[in-house]
Amino acid sequence: MPKMKTKSAAKKRFSFTASGRVKAGVAGKRHGMIKRTTKFTRQATGTMILNASDEGIVKKYMPYNR
């Protein structure tokens, strides 16, 4: 059985915590900041932990990073 390949796009966008949860950047901060509230842009800094349903999808793309 050949090795499974990690999706290159996924390894650039996601990382794992020590407990195995998936970290990702917060969406919605690439462009159009004028129409966003200052509260939104402030809260959307840094990274966030994905929920369980999205986490399952990402873990399929990255079979060896757990």
PDB file of N, CA and C in Angstrom:
ATOM      1  N   MET A   1       0.841  -1.187   0.000  1.00  0.00           N
ATOM      2  CA  MET A   1       0.000   0.000   0.000  1.00  0.00           C
ATOM      3  C   MET A   1       0.887   1.252   0.000  1.00  0.00           C
ATOM      4  N   PRO A   2       0.733   2.155  -0.971  1.00  0.00           N
ATOM      5  CA  PRO A   2       1.584   3.356  -0.998  1.00  0.00           C
ATOM      6  C   PRO A   2       1.194   4.346   0.099  1.00  0.00           C
ATOM      7  N   LYS A   3       2.119   5.248   0.386  1.00  0.00           N
ATOM      8  CA  LYS A   3       1.851   6.272   1.382  1.00  0.00           C
ATOM      9  C   LYS A   3       0.780   7.220   0.892  1.00  0.00           C
ATOM     10  N   MET A   4      -0.001   7.760   1.831  1.00  0.00           N
ATOM     11  CA  MET A   4      -0.973   8.793   1.489  1.00  0.00           C
ATOM     12  C   MET A   4      -0.246  10.127   1.420  1.00  0.00           C
ATOM     13  N   LYS A   5      -0.697  11.014   0.540  1.00  0.00           N
ATOM     14  CA  LYS A   5      -0.051  12.316   0.420  1.00  0.00           C
ATOM     15  C   LYS A   5      -0.824  13.366   1.223  1.00  0.00           C
ATOM     16  N   THR A   6      -0.072  14.267   1.848  1.00  0.00           N
ATOM     17  CA  THR A   6      -0.655  15.412   2.527  1.00  0.00           C
ATOM     18  C   THR A   6      -0.965  16.470   1.484  1.00  0.00           C
ATOM     19  N   LYS A   7      -2.147  17.089   1.566  1.00  0.00           N
ATOM     20  CA  LYS A   7      -2.500  18.167   0.648  1.00  0.00           C
ATOM     21  C   LYS A   7      -1.654  19.395   0.988  1.00  0.00           C
ATOM     22  N   SER A   8      -0.954  19.927  -0.009  1.00  0.00           N
ATOM     23  CA  SER A   8      -0.055  21.051   0.224  1.00  0.00           C
ATOM     24  C   SER A   8      -0.810  22.285   0.690  1.00  0.00           C
ATOM     25  N   ALA A   9      -1.998  22.517   0.168  1.00  0.00           N
ATOM     26  CA  ALA A   9      -2.782  23.681   0.582  1.00  0.00           C
ATOM     27  C   ALA A   9      -3.171  23.576   2.046  1.00  0.00           C
ATOM     28  N   ALA A  10      -3.482  22.371   2.507  1.00  0.00           N
ATOM     29  CA  ALA A  10      -3.889  22.184   3.899  1.00  0.00           C
ATOM     30  C   ALA A  10      -2.721  22.391   4.855  1.00  0.00           C
ATOM     31  N   LYS A  11      -1.537  21.928   4.492  1.00  0.00           N
ATOM     32  CA  LYS A  11      -0.411  22.076   5.419  1.00  0.00           C
ATOM     33  C   LYS A  11       0.034  23.534   5.537  1.00  0.00           C
ATOM     34  N   LYS A  12      -0.281  24.361   4.529  1.00  0.00           N
ATOM     35  CA  LYS A  12       0.037  25.780   4.621  1.00  0.00           C
ATOM     36  C   LYS A  12      -0.982  26.542   5.463  1.00  0.00           C
ATOM     37  N   ARG A  13      -2.215  26.066   5.541  1.00  0.00           N
ATOM     38  CA  ARG A  13      -3.291  26.816   6.179  1.00  0.00           C
ATOM     39  C   ARG A  13      -3.640  26.374   7.591  1.00  0.00           C
ATOM     40  N   PHE A  14      -3.348  25.127   7.940  1.00  0.00           N
ATOM     41  CA  PHE A  14      -3.769  24.587   9.220  1.00  0.00           C
ATOM     42  C   PHE A  14      -2.585  24.043   9.999  1.00  0.00           C
ATOM     43  N   SER A  15      -2.700  24.070  11.328  1.00  0.00           N
ATOM     44  CA  SER A  15      -1.715  23.430  12.194  1.00  0.00           C
ATOM     45  C   SER A  15      -2.475  22.774  13.338  1.00  0.00           C
ATOM     46  N   PHE A  16      -1.778  21.902  14.054  1.00  0.00           N
ATOM     47  CA  PHE A  16      -2.420  21.136  15.127  1.00  0.00           C
ATOM     48  C   PHE A  16      -1.918  21.595  16.488  1.00  0.00           C
ATOM     49  N   THR A  17      -2.795  21.562  17.475  1.00  0.00           N
ATOM     50  CA  THR A  17      -2.402  21.844  18.844  1.00  0.00           C
ATOM     51  C   THR A  17      -1.816  20.570  19.447  1.00  0.00           C
ATOM     52  N   ALA A  18      -1.300  20.675  20.653  1.00  0.00           N
ATOM     53  CA  ALA A  18      -0.709  19.514  21.316  1.00  0.00           C
ATOM     54  C   ALA A  18      -1.754  18.443  21.616  1.00  0.00           C
ATOM     55  N   SER A  19      -2.997  18.857  21.831  1.00  0.00           N
ATOM     56  CA  SER A  19      -4.060  17.886  22.126  1.00  0.00           C
ATOM     57  C   SER A  19      -4.719  17.333  20.873  1.00  0.00           C
ATOM     58  N   GLY A  20      -4.290  17.789  19.677  1.00  0.00           N
ATOM     59  CA  GLY A  20      -4.812  17.239  18.439  1.00  0.00           C
ATOM     60  C   GLY A  20      -5.919  18.041  17.780  1.00  0.00           C
ATOM     61  N   ARG A  21      -6.268  19.185  18.342  1.00  0.00           N
ATOM     62  CA  ARG A  21      -7.272  20.039  17.706  1.00  0.00           C
ATOM     63  C   ARG A  21      -6.619  20.779  16.533  1.00  0.00           C
ATOM     64  N   VAL A  22      -7.437  21.363  15.638  1.00  0.00           N
ATOM     65  CA  VAL A  22      -6.916  22.023  14.442  1.00  0.00           C
ATOM     66  C   VAL A  22      -7.023  23.533  14.602  1.00  0.00           C
ATOM     67  N   LYS A  23      -5.901  24.237  14.384  1.00  0.00           N
ATOM     68  CA  LYS A  23      -5.882  25.697  14.419  1.00  0.00           C
ATOM     69  C   LYS A  23      -5.940  26.237  12.999  1.00  0.00           C
ATOM     70  N   ALA A  24      -6.671  27.342  12.814  1.00  0.00           N
ATOM     71  CA  ALA A  24      -6.764  27.980  11.507  1.00  0.00           C
ATOM     72  C   ALA A  24      -6.885  29.484  11.698  1.00  0.00           C
ATOM     73  N   GLY A  25      -6.526  30.225  10.663  1.00  0.00           N
ATOM     74  CA  GLY A  25      -6.707  31.664  10.709  1.00  0.00           C
ATOM     75  C   GLY A  25      -8.180  32.023  10.602  1.00  0.00           C
ATOM     76  N   VAL A  26      -8.561  33.144  11.189  1.00  0.00           N
ATOM     77  CA  VAL A  26      -9.959  33.576  11.166  1.00  0.00           C
ATOM     78  C   VAL A  26     -10.299  34.123   9.781  1.00  0.00           C
ATOM     79  N   ALA A  27     -11.460  33.751   9.260  1.00  0.00           N
ATOM     80  CA  ALA A  27     -11.863  34.163   7.916  1.00  0.00           C
ATOM     81  C   ALA A  27     -12.391  35.596   7.911  1.00  0.00           C
ATOM     82  N   GLY A  28     -12.337  36.227   6.739  1.00  0.00           N
ATOM     83  CA  GLY A  28     -12.990  37.520   6.553  1.00  0.00           C
ATOM     84  C   GLY A  28     -12.115  38.735   6.728  1.00  0.00           C
ATOM     85  N   LYS A  29     -10.789  38.578   6.644  1.00  0.00           N
ATOM     86  CA  LYS A  29      -9.921  39.746   6.836  1.00  0.00           C
ATOM     87  C   LYS A  29      -8.992  40.003   5.653  1.00  0.00           C
ATOM     88  N   ARG A  30      -9.344  39.556   4.467  1.00  0.00           N
ATOM     89  CA  ARG A  30      -8.459  39.753   3.321  1.00  0.00           C
ATOM     90  C   ARG A  30      -8.693  41.090   2.630  1.00  0.00           C
ATOM     91  N   HIS A  31      -9.940  41.468   2.491  1.00  0.00           N
ATOM     92  CA  HIS A  31     -10.253  42.734   1.811  1.00  0.00           C
ATOM     93  C   HIS A  31     -11.610  43.205   2.294  1.00  0.00           C
ATOM     94  N   GLY A  32     -11.988  44.460   1.941  1.00  0.00           N
ATOM     95  CA  GLY A  32     -13.284  44.990   2.327  1.00  0.00           C
ATOM     96  C   GLY A  32     -13.370  45.370   3.789  1.00  0.00           C
ATOM     97  N   MET A  33     -12.280  45.882   4.357  1.00  0.00           N
ATOM     98  CA  MET A  33     -12.287  46.218   5.778  1.00  0.00           C
ATOM     99  C   MET A  33     -13.135  47.443   6.087  1.00  0.00           C
ATOM    100  N   ILE A  34     -13.418  48.275   5.079  1.00  0.00           N
ATOM    101  CA  ILE A  34     -14.222  49.474   5.311  1.00  0.00           C
ATOM    102  C   ILE A  34     -15.629  49.105   5.761  1.00  0.00           C
ATOM    103  N   LYS A  35     -16.186  48.076   5.176  1.00  0.00           N
ATOM    104  CA  LYS A  35     -17.556  47.689   5.534  1.00  0.00           C
ATOM    105  C   LYS A  35     -17.655  46.846   6.797  1.00  0.00           C
ATOM    106  N   ARG A  36     -16.527  46.386   7.330  1.00  0.00           N
ATOM    107  CA  ARG A  36     -16.540  45.605   8.565  1.00  0.00           C
ATOM    108  C   ARG A  36     -16.492  46.533   9.777  1.00  0.00           C
ATOM    109  N   THR A  37     -17.066  46.080  10.871  1.00  0.00           N
ATOM    110  CA  THR A  37     -17.002  46.887  12.087  1.00  0.00           C
ATOM    111  C   THR A  37     -15.624  46.734  12.725  1.00  0.00           C
ATOM    112  N   THR A  38     -15.245  47.731  13.530  1.00  0.00           N
ATOM    113  CA  THR A  38     -13.950  47.647  14.214  1.00  0.00           C
ATOM    114  C   THR A  38     -13.939  46.501  15.204  1.00  0.00           C
ATOM    115  N   LYS A  39     -15.082  46.204  15.789  1.00  0.00           N
ATOM    116  CA  LYS A  39     -15.172  45.067  16.715  1.00  0.00           C
ATOM    117  C   LYS A  39     -14.864  43.761  15.991  1.00  0.00           C
ATOM    118  N   PHE A  40     -15.393  43.603  14.776  1.00  0.00           N
ATOM    119  CA  PHE A  40     -15.136  42.382  14.011  1.00  0.00           C
ATOM    120  C   PHE A  40     -13.666  42.241  13.673  1.00  0.00           C
ATOM    121  N   THR A  41     -13.053  43.297  13.153  1.00  0.00           N
ATOM    122  CA  THR A  41     -11.649  43.208  12.744  1.00  0.00           C
ATOM    123  C   THR A  41     -10.745  42.952  13.948  1.00  0.00           C
ATOM    124  N   ARG A  42     -11.096  43.499  15.095  1.00  0.00           N
ATOM    125  CA  ARG A  42     -10.307  43.280  16.304  1.00  0.00           C
ATOM    126  C   ARG A  42     -10.426  41.828  16.779  1.00  0.00           C
ATOM    127  N   GLN A  43     -11.628  41.281  16.731  1.00  0.00           N
ATOM    128  CA  GLN A  43     -11.837  39.921  17.196  1.00  0.00           C
ATOM    129  C   GLN A  43     -11.347  38.869  16.204  1.00  0.00           C
ATOM    130  N   ALA A  44     -11.134  39.259  14.951  1.00  0.00           N
ATOM    131  CA  ALA A  44     -10.724  38.309  13.926  1.00  0.00           C
ATOM    132  C   ALA A  44      -9.208  38.202  13.783  1.00  0.00           C
ATOM    133  N   THR A  45      -8.453  38.760  14.727  1.00  0.00           N
ATOM    134  CA  THR A  45      -6.996  38.633  14.665  1.00  0.00           C
ATOM    135  C   THR A  45      -6.575  37.271  15.214  1.00  0.00           C
ATOM    136  N   GLY A  46      -5.395  36.819  14.832  1.00  0.00           N
ATOM    137  CA  GLY A  46      -4.855  35.581  15.360  1.00  0.00           C
ATOM    138  C   GLY A  46      -5.479  34.341  14.740  1.00  0.00           C
ATOM    139  N   THR A  47      -5.547  33.281  15.520  1.00  0.00           N
ATOM    140  CA  THR A  47      -6.057  32.006  15.025  1.00  0.00           C
ATOM    141  C   THR A  47      -7.235  31.556  15.871  1.00  0.00           C
ATOM    142  N   MET A  48      -7.937  30.528  15.385  1.00  0.00           N
ATOM    143  CA  MET A  48      -9.056  29.961  16.124  1.00  0.00           C
ATOM    144  C   MET A  48      -9.000  28.447  16.017  1.00  0.00           C
ATOM    145  N   ILE A  49      -9.728  27.772  16.879  1.00  0.00           N
ATOM    146  CA  ILE A  49      -9.832  26.312  16.863  1.00  0.00           C
ATOM    147  C   ILE A  49     -11.063  25.947  16.039  1.00  0.00           C
ATOM    148  N   LEU A  50     -10.899  25.053  15.081  1.00  0.00           N
ATOM    149  CA  LEU A  50     -12.032  24.638  14.249  1.00  0.00           C
ATOM    150  C   LEU A  50     -13.003  23.762  15.034  1.00  0.00           C
ATOM    151  N   ASN A  51     -14.273  23.770  14.604  1.00  0.00           N
ATOM    152  CA  ASN A  51     -15.240  22.888  15.252  1.00  0.00           C
ATOM    153  C   ASN A  51     -15.063  21.456  14.745  1.00  0.00           C
ATOM    154  N   ALA A  52     -15.755  20.526  15.364  1.00  0.00           N
ATOM    155  CA  ALA A  52     -15.499  19.099  15.139  1.00  0.00           C
ATOM    156  C   ALA A  52     -15.783  18.663  13.707  1.00  0.00           C
ATOM    157  N   SER A  53     -16.824  19.204  13.080  1.00  0.00           N
ATOM    158  CA  SER A  53     -17.163  18.770  11.725  1.00  0.00           C
ATOM    159  C   SER A  53     -16.111  19.218  10.716  1.00  0.00           C
ATOM    160  N   ASP A  54     -15.625  20.455  10.850  1.00  0.00           N
ATOM    161  CA  ASP A  54     -14.568  20.932   9.954  1.00  0.00           C
ATOM    162  C   ASP A  54     -13.235  20.242  10.257  1.00  0.00           C
ATOM    163  N   GLU A  55     -13.028  19.933  11.513  1.00  0.00           N
ATOM    164  CA  GLU A  55     -11.801  19.264  11.931  1.00  0.00           C
ATOM    165  C   GLU A  55     -11.644  17.902  11.248  1.00  0.00           C
ATOM    166  N   GLY A  56     -12.739  17.182  11.112  1.00  0.00           N
ATOM    167  CA  GLY A  56     -12.697  15.876  10.454  1.00  0.00           C
ATOM    168  C   GLY A  56     -12.282  15.966   9.009  1.00  0.00           C
ATOM    169  N   ILE A  57     -12.713  17.022   8.319  1.00  0.00           N
ATOM    170  CA  ILE A  57     -12.347  17.219   6.912  1.00  0.00           C
ATOM    171  C   ILE A  57     -10.854  17.506   6.794  1.00  0.00           C
ATOM    172  N   VAL A  58     -10.347  18.377   7.652  1.00  0.00           N
ATOM    173  CA  VAL A  58      -8.935  18.760   7.589  1.00  0.00           C
ATOM    174  C   VAL A  58      -8.038  17.573   7.919  1.00  0.00           C
ATOM    175  N   LYS A  59      -8.437  16.743   8.875  1.00  0.00           N
ATOM    176  CA  LYS A  59      -7.609  15.600   9.263  1.00  0.00           C
ATOM    177  C   LYS A  59      -7.499  14.567   8.146  1.00  0.00           C
ATOM    178  N   LYS A  60      -8.476  14.525   7.243  1.00  0.00           N
ATOM    179  CA  LYS A  60      -8.362  13.642   6.076  1.00  0.00           C
ATOM    180  C   LYS A  60      -7.277  14.134   5.122  1.00  0.00           C
ATOM    181  N   TYR A  61      -7.127  15.453   5.024  1.00  0.00           N
ATOM    182  CA  TYR A  61      -6.127  16.041   4.133  1.00  0.00           C
ATOM    183  C   TYR A  61      -4.714  15.915   4.681  1.00  0.00           C
ATOM    184  N   MET A  62      -4.566  15.783   6.000  1.00  0.00           N
ATOM    185  CA  MET A  62      -3.251  15.739   6.636  1.00  0.00           C
ATOM    186  C   MET A  62      -3.123  14.461   7.447  1.00  0.00           C
ATOM    187  N   PRO A  63      -2.875  13.324   6.802  1.00  0.00           N
ATOM    188  CA  PRO A  63      -2.915  12.046   7.504  1.00  0.00           C
ATOM    189  C   PRO A  63      -1.772  11.813   8.496  1.00  0.00           C
ATOM    190  N   TYR A  64      -0.631  12.489   8.338  1.00  0.00           N
ATOM    191  CA  TYR A  64       0.531  12.179   9.179  1.00  0.00           C
ATOM    192  C   TYR A  64       0.857  13.228  10.213  1.00  0.00           C
ATOM    193  N   ASN A  65       0.093  14.295  10.291  1.00  0.00           N
ATOM    194  CA  ASN A  65       0.425  15.398  11.197  1.00  0.00           C
ATOM    195  C   ASN A  65      -0.326  15.329  12.518  1.00  0.00           C
ATOM    196  N   ARG A  66      -0.681  14.129  12.984  1.00  0.00           N
ATOM    197  CA  ARG A  66      -1.423  14.028  14.238  1.00  0.00           C
ATOM    198  C   ARG A  66      -0.643  13.267  15.267  1.00  0.00           C
TER     199      ARG A  66
END
